[in-house]
Amino acid sequence: MNSKNYHQKKRFGQHWLVNNIVLEKIKEVAELEEEDFILEIGPGRGALTSKLLNSKINRLHAVELDRDLIEYLNNKFKNNKKFSLQEGDILSINLDYINKNITKVIANIPYNITGPILDIFIGRLGEISQNNYKKIVFLMQKDVVDRVLSKDGNTNAGALSVRMQLISNIKKICDVPPSSFKPPPKVFSSLVVFEPF
């Protein structure tokens, strides 16, 4: 299959990032190093994957739910020894066998599973995380990022903002317009970096 024959699936919330400036910005804020073992959630057609692999990182492991993209991605990156791919749902697959090696998590995450992804990768209050992620770089729905960053007294503040701020350092990098994606979503996104405590 080539990517031109592929039709995105609404049920997977697929909005692929096509803005090269934003792709480069993600790579920049990830501060990639030689020892980095990257987990990429939902590589899609591999635009961000290509950028990440074209750096000094040690390894990149991608998890893709869409079965139709697996062959395409494996063919695209078959000659890159840094790349590995796992088919499955990031909300339910077992990553225990590599989790201790992962240093950074990077993703353009589907809006419809943002909450569960934050629970898994950033964590919950009262639970000791078994992960040692140095940095988590997410492209997320802007209004969720605004809620996460809201301070006490702000109308957006709530359980999510309190929890995220207590367990991680959070930095919003920039807003990303719908035109940066294909197909464009109906809302703005934001690039945000979490550094779990």
N, C-alpha and C. Protein backbone atom coordinates (compact mmCIF):
# COMPACT_ATOMS: atom_id res chain seq x y z
N MET A 1 0.84 -1.19 0.00
CA MET A 1 0.00 0.00 0.00
C MET A 1 0.87 1.24 0.00
N ASN A 2 0.51 2.22 -0.83
CA ASN A 2 1.21 3.48 -0.67
C ASN A 2 0.27 4.48 -0.02
N SER A 3 0.83 5.54 0.54
CA SER A 3 0.04 6.45 1.37
C SER A 3 -1.03 7.18 0.59
N LYS A 4 -0.86 7.29 -0.73
CA LYS A 4 -1.86 8.00 -1.53
C LYS A 4 -3.17 7.21 -1.62
N ASN A 5 -3.06 5.89 -1.50
CA ASN A 5 -4.26 5.05 -1.58
C ASN A 5 -4.93 4.85 -0.22
N TYR A 6 -4.34 5.44 0.80
CA TYR A 6 -4.86 5.22 2.16
C TYR A 6 -5.89 6.29 2.51
N HIS A 7 -7.00 5.87 3.08
CA HIS A 7 -8.03 6.81 3.52
C HIS A 7 -8.08 6.81 5.04
N GLN A 8 -7.96 8.00 5.62
CA GLN A 8 -7.98 8.09 7.07
C GLN A 8 -9.31 7.64 7.65
N LYS A 9 -9.23 7.12 8.86
CA LYS A 9 -10.41 6.56 9.51
C LYS A 9 -10.85 7.46 10.66
N LYS A 10 -12.09 7.92 10.58
CA LYS A 10 -12.62 8.81 11.61
C LYS A 10 -12.60 8.17 12.98
N ARG A 11 -12.84 6.88 13.03
CA ARG A 11 -12.93 6.22 14.34
C ARG A 11 -11.60 6.24 15.10
N PHE A 12 -10.50 6.43 14.38
CA PHE A 12 -9.19 6.50 15.02
C PHE A 12 -8.78 7.95 15.33
N GLY A 13 -9.63 8.90 14.96
CA GLY A 13 -9.32 10.30 15.22
C GLY A 13 -8.06 10.77 14.51
N GLN A 14 -7.87 10.31 13.28
CA GLN A 14 -6.63 10.60 12.55
C GLN A 14 -6.63 12.00 11.94
N HIS A 15 -5.72 12.82 12.41
CA HIS A 15 -5.43 14.14 11.84
C HIS A 15 -3.92 14.22 11.76
N TRP A 16 -3.37 13.98 10.58
CA TRP A 16 -1.93 13.88 10.45
C TRP A 16 -1.29 15.26 10.34
N LEU A 17 -0.22 15.43 11.10
CA LEU A 17 0.51 16.70 11.09
C LEU A 17 1.32 16.79 9.80
N VAL A 18 1.09 17.87 9.05
CA VAL A 18 1.79 18.05 7.77
C VAL A 18 2.61 19.34 7.73
N ASN A 19 2.58 20.11 8.80
CA ASN A 19 3.31 21.37 8.87
C ASN A 19 4.76 21.09 9.28
N ASN A 20 5.68 21.30 8.34
CA ASN A 20 7.08 20.97 8.59
C ASN A 20 7.70 21.80 9.72
N ILE A 21 7.26 23.04 9.86
CA ILE A 21 7.78 23.90 10.93
C ILE A 21 7.43 23.30 12.30
N VAL A 22 6.20 22.82 12.44
CA VAL A 22 5.77 22.22 13.71
C VAL A 22 6.48 20.89 13.93
N LEU A 23 6.66 20.11 12.89
CA LEU A 23 7.40 18.85 13.01
C LEU A 23 8.82 19.10 13.52
N GLU A 24 9.46 20.12 12.97
CA GLU A 24 10.82 20.47 13.41
C GLU A 24 10.81 20.99 14.85
N LYS A 25 9.77 21.73 15.21
CA LYS A 25 9.66 22.26 16.57
C LYS A 25 9.53 21.12 17.59
N ILE A 26 8.75 20.08 17.25
CA ILE A 26 8.62 18.92 18.14
C ILE A 26 9.99 18.28 18.36
N LYS A 27 10.71 18.10 17.27
CA LYS A 27 12.05 17.52 17.36
C LYS A 27 12.97 18.38 18.22
N GLU A 28 12.85 19.69 18.08
CA GLU A 28 13.70 20.62 18.83
C GLU A 28 13.41 20.56 20.34
N VAL A 29 12.13 20.63 20.71
CA VAL A 29 11.79 20.67 22.14
C VAL A 29 12.00 19.33 22.82
N ALA A 30 12.05 18.25 22.04
CA ALA A 30 12.33 16.93 22.62
C ALA A 30 13.77 16.82 23.10
N GLU A 31 14.63 17.71 22.62
CA GLU A 31 16.05 17.73 23.03
C GLU A 31 16.65 16.32 22.93
N LEU A 32 16.64 15.81 21.74
CA LEU A 32 17.05 14.42 21.49
C LEU A 32 18.54 14.22 21.74
N GLU A 33 18.85 13.08 22.38
CA GLU A 33 20.23 12.76 22.74
C GLU A 33 20.56 11.34 22.27
N GLU A 34 21.85 11.02 22.27
CA GLU A 34 22.31 9.73 21.76
C GLU A 34 21.73 8.55 22.53
N GLU A 35 21.51 8.73 23.82
CA GLU A 35 21.01 7.61 24.63
C GLU A 35 19.50 7.48 24.61
N ASP A 36 18.80 8.38 23.90
CA ASP A 36 17.34 8.37 23.93
C ASP A 36 16.71 7.17 23.25
N PHE A 37 15.77 6.59 23.95
CA PHE A 37 14.90 5.52 23.45
C PHE A 37 13.50 6.14 23.41
N ILE A 38 13.02 6.42 22.21
CA ILE A 38 11.77 7.14 22.04
C ILE A 38 10.60 6.18 21.84
N LEU A 39 9.51 6.47 22.53
CA LEU A 39 8.24 5.81 22.24
C LEU A 39 7.39 6.82 21.48
N GLU A 40 6.99 6.46 20.27
CA GLU A 40 6.08 7.32 19.50
C GLU A 40 4.71 6.64 19.42
N ILE A 41 3.69 7.38 19.82
CA ILE A 41 2.33 6.85 19.80
C ILE A 41 1.65 7.30 18.51
N GLY A 42 1.15 6.35 17.72
CA GLY A 42 0.40 6.66 16.51
C GLY A 42 1.22 7.38 15.45
N PRO A 43 2.19 6.70 14.85
CA PRO A 43 3.05 7.36 13.86
C PRO A 43 2.35 7.74 12.55
N GLY A 44 1.16 7.18 12.29
CA GLY A 44 0.45 7.53 11.06
C GLY A 44 1.25 7.14 9.83
N ARG A 45 1.55 8.11 8.97
CA ARG A 45 2.35 7.83 7.77
C ARG A 45 3.84 8.06 8.00
N GLY A 46 4.20 8.42 9.23
CA GLY A 46 5.62 8.48 9.57
C GLY A 46 6.33 9.80 9.35
N ALA A 47 5.58 10.91 9.23
CA ALA A 47 6.23 12.21 9.01
C ALA A 47 7.10 12.59 10.21
N LEU A 48 6.53 12.49 11.41
CA LEU A 48 7.29 12.80 12.61
C LEU A 48 8.34 11.72 12.87
N THR A 49 7.99 10.48 12.60
CA THR A 49 8.93 9.36 12.77
C THR A 49 10.21 9.61 11.99
N SER A 50 10.06 10.06 10.75
CA SER A 50 11.23 10.34 9.90
C SER A 50 12.13 11.39 10.53
N LYS A 51 11.52 12.45 11.06
CA LYS A 51 12.29 13.52 11.70
C LYS A 51 13.06 12.98 12.91
N LEU A 52 12.38 12.17 13.71
CA LEU A 52 13.00 11.65 14.93
C LEU A 52 14.13 10.67 14.61
N LEU A 53 13.91 9.83 13.60
CA LEU A 53 14.94 8.87 13.21
C LEU A 53 16.15 9.56 12.59
N ASN A 54 15.92 10.71 12.00
CA ASN A 54 17.00 11.48 11.39
C ASN A 54 17.66 12.37 12.46
N SER A 55 18.01 11.76 13.55
CA SER A 55 18.67 12.45 14.66
C SER A 55 19.61 11.45 15.32
N LYS A 56 20.23 11.85 16.42
CA LYS A 56 21.23 10.98 17.05
C LYS A 56 20.64 10.00 18.06
N ILE A 57 19.32 9.84 18.11
CA ILE A 57 18.71 8.93 19.08
C ILE A 57 19.21 7.50 18.92
N ASN A 58 19.09 6.73 19.99
CA ASN A 58 19.51 5.34 19.98
C ASN A 58 18.46 4.45 19.31
N ARG A 59 17.18 4.71 19.65
CA ARG A 59 16.12 3.82 19.14
C ARG A 59 14.76 4.51 19.21
N LEU A 60 13.87 4.10 18.31
CA LEU A 60 12.48 4.57 18.32
C LEU A 60 11.56 3.37 18.18
N HIS A 61 10.64 3.25 19.12
CA HIS A 61 9.62 2.19 19.06
C HIS A 61 8.27 2.88 18.87
N ALA A 62 7.58 2.52 17.80
CA ALA A 62 6.28 3.13 17.50
C ALA A 62 5.16 2.14 17.74
N VAL A 63 4.02 2.66 18.20
CA VAL A 63 2.83 1.83 18.40
C VAL A 63 1.72 2.40 17.53
N GLU A 64 1.20 1.59 16.63
CA GLU A 64 0.16 2.02 15.68
C GLU A 64 -1.04 1.09 15.76
N LEU A 65 -2.21 1.69 15.92
CA LEU A 65 -3.45 0.92 16.01
C LEU A 65 -4.00 0.50 14.65
N ASP A 66 -3.79 1.34 13.64
CA ASP A 66 -4.37 1.12 12.33
C ASP A 66 -3.60 0.05 11.55
N ARG A 67 -4.19 -1.11 11.46
CA ARG A 67 -3.56 -2.26 10.80
C ARG A 67 -3.14 -1.95 9.36
N ASP A 68 -3.92 -1.11 8.68
CA ASP A 68 -3.63 -0.80 7.28
C ASP A 68 -2.32 -0.02 7.10
N LEU A 69 -1.81 0.60 8.18
CA LEU A 69 -0.58 1.37 8.09
C LEU A 69 0.66 0.57 8.46
N ILE A 70 0.48 -0.59 9.05
CA ILE A 70 1.62 -1.36 9.54
C ILE A 70 2.59 -1.75 8.42
N GLU A 71 2.06 -2.32 7.35
CA GLU A 71 2.93 -2.72 6.23
C GLU A 71 3.62 -1.50 5.62
N TYR A 72 2.86 -0.42 5.46
CA TYR A 72 3.43 0.79 4.89
C TYR A 72 4.61 1.31 5.73
N LEU A 73 4.42 1.38 7.05
CA LEU A 73 5.47 1.88 7.93
C LEU A 73 6.67 0.94 7.96
N ASN A 74 6.40 -0.35 8.01
CA ASN A 74 7.51 -1.31 8.01
C ASN A 74 8.33 -1.22 6.73
N ASN A 75 7.67 -1.00 5.60
CA ASN A 75 8.39 -0.83 4.34
C ASN A 75 9.16 0.49 4.31
N LYS A 76 8.53 1.53 4.81
CA LYS A 76 9.16 2.87 4.78
C LYS A 76 10.45 2.91 5.59
N PHE A 77 10.45 2.20 6.73
CA PHE A 77 11.60 2.29 7.63
C PHE A 77 12.37 0.96 7.75
N LYS A 78 12.21 0.09 6.77
CA LYS A 78 12.79 -1.26 6.87
C LYS A 78 14.32 -1.24 6.93
N ASN A 79 14.94 -0.21 6.42
CA ASN A 79 16.40 -0.16 6.42
C ASN A 79 16.97 0.63 7.59
N ASN A 80 16.11 1.05 8.50
CA ASN A 80 16.57 1.84 9.64
C ASN A 80 16.62 0.95 10.88
N LYS A 81 17.81 0.68 11.35
CA LYS A 81 17.99 -0.23 12.49
C LYS A 81 17.49 0.36 13.80
N LYS A 82 17.26 1.65 13.83
CA LYS A 82 16.76 2.29 15.06
C LYS A 82 15.26 2.06 15.25
N PHE A 83 14.58 1.65 14.21
CA PHE A 83 13.11 1.62 14.20
C PHE A 83 12.54 0.25 14.52
N SER A 84 11.51 0.26 15.37
CA SER A 84 10.70 -0.94 15.58
C SER A 84 9.24 -0.51 15.69
N LEU A 85 8.35 -1.42 15.32
CA LEU A 85 6.92 -1.08 15.25
C LEU A 85 6.09 -2.18 15.89
N GLN A 86 5.11 -1.75 16.64
CA GLN A 86 4.20 -2.68 17.31
C GLN A 86 2.77 -2.30 16.95
N GLU A 87 2.00 -3.28 16.51
CA GLU A 87 0.59 -3.03 16.22
C GLU A 87 -0.21 -3.20 17.50
N GLY A 88 -1.09 -2.22 17.78
CA GLY A 88 -1.93 -2.37 18.96
C GLY A 88 -2.47 -1.04 19.45
N ASP A 89 -3.30 -1.14 20.46
CA ASP A 89 -3.94 0.01 21.08
C ASP A 89 -3.08 0.47 22.25
N ILE A 90 -2.60 1.68 22.21
CA ILE A 90 -1.70 2.20 23.25
C ILE A 90 -2.35 2.16 24.63
N LEU A 91 -3.68 2.13 24.69
CA LEU A 91 -4.37 2.10 25.97
C LEU A 91 -4.38 0.72 26.61
N SER A 92 -4.03 -0.30 25.83
CA SER A 92 -4.13 -1.66 26.39
C SER A 92 -2.92 -2.56 26.13
N ILE A 93 -2.00 -2.16 25.28
CA ILE A 93 -0.85 -3.05 25.01
C ILE A 93 0.12 -3.07 26.19
N ASN A 94 0.89 -4.12 26.25
CA ASN A 94 1.88 -4.28 27.31
C ASN A 94 3.23 -3.79 26.82
N LEU A 95 3.75 -2.77 27.49
CA LEU A 95 5.06 -2.23 27.13
C LEU A 95 6.11 -2.55 28.19
N ASP A 96 5.77 -3.46 29.11
CA ASP A 96 6.67 -3.75 30.24
C ASP A 96 8.06 -4.18 29.78
N TYR A 97 8.12 -4.88 28.65
CA TYR A 97 9.41 -5.42 28.19
C TYR A 97 10.39 -4.34 27.72
N ILE A 98 9.87 -3.15 27.41
CA ILE A 98 10.78 -2.05 27.00
C ILE A 98 10.64 -0.79 27.85
N ASN A 99 9.64 -0.76 28.73
CA ASN A 99 9.32 0.48 29.43
C ASN A 99 10.51 1.04 30.21
N LYS A 100 11.29 0.19 30.81
CA LYS A 100 12.42 0.67 31.62
C LYS A 100 13.49 1.35 30.76
N ASN A 101 13.45 1.09 29.44
CA ASN A 101 14.44 1.69 28.54
C ASN A 101 13.98 3.00 27.91
N ILE A 102 12.67 3.22 27.91
CA ILE A 102 12.12 4.42 27.25
C ILE A 102 12.51 5.67 28.03
N THR A 103 13.08 6.64 27.33
CA THR A 103 13.47 7.90 27.98
C THR A 103 12.49 9.03 27.67
N LYS A 104 11.88 9.00 26.48
CA LYS A 104 10.96 10.07 26.09
C LYS A 104 9.79 9.51 25.30
N VAL A 105 8.63 10.14 25.49
CA VAL A 105 7.42 9.75 24.77
C VAL A 105 7.00 10.94 23.92
N ILE A 106 6.73 10.70 22.65
CA ILE A 106 6.39 11.78 21.72
C ILE A 106 5.18 11.36 20.92
N ALA A 107 4.19 12.27 20.80
CA ALA A 107 2.99 11.89 20.05
C ALA A 107 2.13 13.07 19.68
N ASN A 108 1.49 12.94 18.53
CA ASN A 108 0.36 13.76 18.13
C ASN A 108 -0.84 12.91 18.53
N ILE A 109 -1.39 13.16 19.73
CA ILE A 109 -2.36 12.20 20.27
C ILE A 109 -3.78 12.50 19.82
N PRO A 110 -4.54 11.44 19.52
CA PRO A 110 -5.94 11.61 19.13
C PRO A 110 -6.73 12.27 20.26
N TYR A 111 -7.54 13.25 19.92
CA TYR A 111 -8.29 14.01 20.92
C TYR A 111 -9.19 13.11 21.77
N ASN A 112 -9.73 12.05 21.14
CA ASN A 112 -10.73 11.24 21.84
C ASN A 112 -10.15 10.33 22.92
N ILE A 113 -8.81 10.22 22.99
CA ILE A 113 -8.22 9.39 24.05
C ILE A 113 -7.19 10.16 24.88
N THR A 114 -7.29 11.49 24.87
CA THR A 114 -6.33 12.32 25.60
C THR A 114 -6.30 11.99 27.09
N GLY A 115 -7.47 11.91 27.73
CA GLY A 115 -7.53 11.65 29.16
C GLY A 115 -6.84 10.37 29.57
N PRO A 116 -7.20 9.24 28.96
CA PRO A 116 -6.53 7.97 29.30
C PRO A 116 -5.02 7.99 29.03
N ILE A 117 -4.60 8.67 27.96
CA ILE A 117 -3.16 8.74 27.67
C ILE A 117 -2.44 9.52 28.75
N LEU A 118 -3.02 10.62 29.21
CA LEU A 118 -2.41 11.38 30.31
C LEU A 118 -2.31 10.52 31.56
N ASP A 119 -3.35 9.75 31.85
CA ASP A 119 -3.33 8.85 33.01
C ASP A 119 -2.17 7.85 32.93
N ILE A 120 -2.01 7.26 31.75
CA ILE A 120 -0.99 6.21 31.58
C ILE A 120 0.42 6.79 31.61
N PHE A 121 0.65 7.89 30.90
CA PHE A 121 2.02 8.37 30.71
C PHE A 121 2.46 9.46 31.68
N ILE A 122 1.55 10.28 32.15
CA ILE A 122 1.92 11.29 33.15
C ILE A 122 1.68 10.72 34.54
N GLY A 123 0.54 10.07 34.74
CA GLY A 123 0.28 9.39 36.00
C GLY A 123 -0.95 9.91 36.73
N ARG A 124 -1.18 9.32 37.90
CA ARG A 124 -2.30 9.69 38.75
C ARG A 124 -1.78 9.97 40.16
N LEU A 125 -2.53 10.78 40.89
CA LEU A 125 -2.17 11.05 42.28
C LEU A 125 -2.28 9.78 43.10
N GLY A 126 -1.34 9.58 44.01
CA GLY A 126 -1.39 8.42 44.90
C GLY A 126 -0.84 7.15 44.30
N GLU A 127 -0.40 7.20 43.04
CA GLU A 127 0.19 6.02 42.40
C GLU A 127 1.65 6.32 42.07
N ILE A 128 2.52 5.44 42.48
CA ILE A 128 3.94 5.62 42.18
C ILE A 128 4.20 5.11 40.76
N SER A 129 4.69 6.00 39.93
CA SER A 129 4.95 5.62 38.54
C SER A 129 6.17 4.71 38.44
N GLN A 130 6.05 3.69 37.61
CA GLN A 130 7.17 2.79 37.36
C GLN A 130 8.00 3.27 36.17
N ASN A 131 7.57 4.37 35.55
CA ASN A 131 8.25 4.89 34.37
C ASN A 131 9.35 5.86 34.78
N ASN A 132 10.34 5.98 33.92
CA ASN A 132 11.43 6.92 34.16
C ASN A 132 11.57 7.90 32.99
N TYR A 133 10.44 8.31 32.45
CA TYR A 133 10.48 9.21 31.30
C TYR A 133 11.06 10.57 31.71
N LYS A 134 12.05 11.02 30.93
CA LYS A 134 12.62 12.35 31.18
C LYS A 134 11.68 13.44 30.66
N LYS A 135 11.04 13.13 29.56
CA LYS A 135 10.24 14.15 28.88
C LYS A 135 9.13 13.50 28.08
N ILE A 136 7.97 14.14 28.10
CA ILE A 136 6.83 13.68 27.30
C ILE A 136 6.37 14.87 26.46
N VAL A 137 6.43 14.71 25.16
CA VAL A 137 6.08 15.80 24.24
C VAL A 137 4.79 15.41 23.52
N PHE A 138 3.73 16.16 23.80
CA PHE A 138 2.43 15.84 23.21
C PHE A 138 1.89 17.02 22.42
N LEU A 139 1.30 16.72 21.28
CA LEU A 139 0.49 17.67 20.54
C LEU A 139 -0.95 17.31 20.89
N MET A 140 -1.63 18.24 21.57
CA MET A 140 -2.95 17.96 22.14
C MET A 140 -3.93 19.07 21.79
N GLN A 141 -5.19 18.79 22.03
CA GLN A 141 -6.24 19.78 21.83
C GLN A 141 -5.97 20.99 22.73
N LYS A 142 -6.03 22.19 22.15
CA LYS A 142 -5.65 23.41 22.88
C LYS A 142 -6.47 23.62 24.14
N ASP A 143 -7.76 23.37 24.10
CA ASP A 143 -8.57 23.66 25.29
C ASP A 143 -8.23 22.72 26.44
N VAL A 144 -7.75 21.50 26.13
CA VAL A 144 -7.32 20.58 27.19
C VAL A 144 -6.01 21.09 27.80
N VAL A 145 -5.09 21.55 26.96
CA VAL A 145 -3.83 22.10 27.46
C VAL A 145 -4.10 23.32 28.34
N ASP A 146 -5.02 24.19 27.90
CA ASP A 146 -5.37 25.37 28.70
C ASP A 146 -5.92 24.96 30.06
N ARG A 147 -6.72 23.89 30.08
CA ARG A 147 -7.26 23.39 31.36
C ARG A 147 -6.15 22.85 32.24
N VAL A 148 -5.25 22.08 31.64
CA VAL A 148 -4.14 21.49 32.39
C VAL A 148 -3.29 22.57 33.05
N LEU A 149 -3.11 23.69 32.36
CA LEU A 149 -2.24 24.76 32.86
C LEU A 149 -2.94 25.78 33.75
N SER A 150 -4.25 25.67 33.90
CA SER A 150 -5.02 26.65 34.68
C SER A 150 -4.62 26.62 36.15
N LYS A 151 -4.49 27.81 36.71
CA LYS A 151 -4.14 27.96 38.12
C LYS A 151 -5.39 28.05 38.97
N ASP A 152 -5.22 27.78 40.25
CA ASP A 152 -6.32 27.84 41.20
C ASP A 152 -7.00 29.20 41.13
N GLY A 153 -8.32 29.20 41.05
CA GLY A 153 -9.07 30.45 40.94
C GLY A 153 -9.55 30.73 39.52
N ASN A 154 -8.87 30.12 38.54
CA ASN A 154 -9.28 30.27 37.15
C ASN A 154 -10.49 29.36 36.90
N THR A 155 -11.42 29.82 36.09
CA THR A 155 -12.64 29.03 35.83
C THR A 155 -12.33 27.70 35.15
N ASN A 156 -11.17 27.59 34.45
CA ASN A 156 -10.78 26.35 33.79
C ASN A 156 -10.14 25.35 34.75
N ALA A 157 -9.73 25.82 35.91
CA ALA A 157 -9.03 24.96 36.86
C ALA A 157 -9.97 23.87 37.39
N GLY A 158 -9.38 22.72 37.64
CA GLY A 158 -10.19 21.60 38.16
C GLY A 158 -9.28 20.45 38.54
N ALA A 159 -9.88 19.28 38.67
CA ALA A 159 -9.12 18.10 39.10
C ALA A 159 -7.96 17.79 38.15
N LEU A 160 -8.20 17.95 36.84
CA LEU A 160 -7.15 17.64 35.86
C LEU A 160 -5.95 18.56 36.04
N SER A 161 -6.19 19.86 36.17
CA SER A 161 -5.08 20.81 36.31
C SER A 161 -4.32 20.58 37.61
N VAL A 162 -5.04 20.35 38.71
CA VAL A 162 -4.38 20.10 39.99
C VAL A 162 -3.49 18.87 39.91
N ARG A 163 -4.04 17.80 39.35
CA ARG A 163 -3.30 16.53 39.27
C ARG A 163 -2.06 16.66 38.40
N MET A 164 -2.22 17.22 37.19
CA MET A 164 -1.10 17.32 36.27
C MET A 164 0.01 18.20 36.83
N GLN A 165 -0.37 19.30 37.50
CA GLN A 165 0.63 20.22 38.03
C GLN A 165 1.34 19.67 39.27
N LEU A 166 0.69 18.79 39.99
CA LEU A 166 1.32 18.18 41.17
C LEU A 166 2.32 17.08 40.81
N ILE A 167 2.13 16.46 39.66
CA ILE A 167 2.99 15.33 39.32
C ILE A 167 3.94 15.60 38.15
N SER A 168 3.88 16.80 37.57
CA SER A 168 4.80 17.09 36.47
C SER A 168 5.02 18.58 36.30
N ASN A 169 6.16 18.90 35.73
CA ASN A 169 6.42 20.26 35.28
C ASN A 169 5.86 20.35 33.86
N ILE A 170 5.11 21.41 33.57
CA ILE A 170 4.41 21.50 32.28
C ILE A 170 4.78 22.81 31.58
N LYS A 171 5.11 22.71 30.31
CA LYS A 171 5.44 23.91 29.54
C LYS A 171 4.72 23.87 28.19
N LYS A 172 3.89 24.87 27.96
CA LYS A 172 3.25 25.00 26.65
C LYS A 172 4.22 25.69 25.70
N ILE A 173 4.44 25.09 24.55
CA ILE A 173 5.42 25.62 23.59
C ILE A 173 4.76 26.59 22.61
N CYS A 174 3.67 26.15 21.98
CA CYS A 174 3.00 27.00 20.99
C CYS A 174 1.64 26.41 20.65
N ASP A 175 0.79 27.25 20.07
CA ASP A 175 -0.49 26.79 19.53
C ASP A 175 -0.29 26.41 18.07
N VAL A 176 -1.08 25.45 17.61
CA VAL A 176 -0.95 24.93 16.25
C VAL A 176 -2.33 25.00 15.58
N PRO A 177 -2.44 25.73 14.46
CA PRO A 177 -3.75 25.89 13.81
C PRO A 177 -4.21 24.63 13.09
N PRO A 178 -5.52 24.50 12.86
CA PRO A 178 -6.07 23.34 12.16
C PRO A 178 -5.43 23.09 10.79
N SER A 179 -5.01 24.17 10.12
CA SER A 179 -4.43 24.04 8.78
C SER A 179 -3.11 23.26 8.78
N SER A 180 -2.55 23.00 9.95
CA SER A 180 -1.30 22.24 10.05
C SER A 180 -1.53 20.74 9.93
N PHE A 181 -2.78 20.33 9.86
CA PHE A 181 -3.13 18.91 9.84
C PHE A 181 -3.91 18.55 8.58
N LYS A 182 -3.87 17.28 8.27
CA LYS A 182 -4.67 16.76 7.16
C LYS A 182 -5.39 15.50 7.63
N PRO A 183 -6.72 15.48 7.63
CA PRO A 183 -7.61 16.63 7.41
C PRO A 183 -7.55 17.58 8.60
N PRO A 184 -7.88 18.86 8.39
CA PRO A 184 -7.82 19.79 9.52
C PRO A 184 -8.90 19.50 10.55
N PRO A 185 -8.54 19.48 11.84
CA PRO A 185 -9.56 19.31 12.88
C PRO A 185 -10.37 20.60 13.01
N LYS A 186 -11.40 20.56 13.83
CA LYS A 186 -12.26 21.74 14.00
C LYS A 186 -11.74 22.68 15.08
N VAL A 187 -10.68 22.27 15.76
CA VAL A 187 -10.16 23.07 16.87
C VAL A 187 -8.65 23.24 16.75
N PHE A 188 -8.13 24.21 17.50
CA PHE A 188 -6.69 24.43 17.59
C PHE A 188 -6.05 23.35 18.47
N SER A 189 -4.77 23.11 18.24
CA SER A 189 -3.98 22.22 19.07
C SER A 189 -2.90 23.03 19.76
N SER A 190 -2.24 22.42 20.72
CA SER A 190 -1.08 23.04 21.38
C SER A 190 0.00 22.00 21.56
N LEU A 191 1.24 22.45 21.40
CA LEU A 191 2.39 21.60 21.67
C LEU A 191 2.79 21.83 23.12
N VAL A 192 2.89 20.74 23.88
CA VAL A 192 3.16 20.86 25.31
C VAL A 192 4.19 19.82 25.74
N VAL A 193 5.03 20.21 26.69
CA VAL A 193 6.06 19.31 27.22
C VAL A 193 5.80 19.06 28.70
N PHE A 194 5.75 17.78 29.07
CA PHE A 194 5.62 17.37 30.47
C PHE A 194 6.94 16.78 30.93
N GLU A 195 7.37 17.16 32.12
CA GLU A 195 8.53 16.53 32.75
C GLU A 195 8.05 15.97 34.08
N PRO A 196 7.75 14.67 34.12
CA PRO A 196 7.21 14.08 35.35
C PRO A 196 8.17 14.21 36.53
N PHE A 197 7.62 14.51 37.70
CA PHE A 197 8.46 14.62 38.91
C PHE A 197 8.86 13.23 39.37
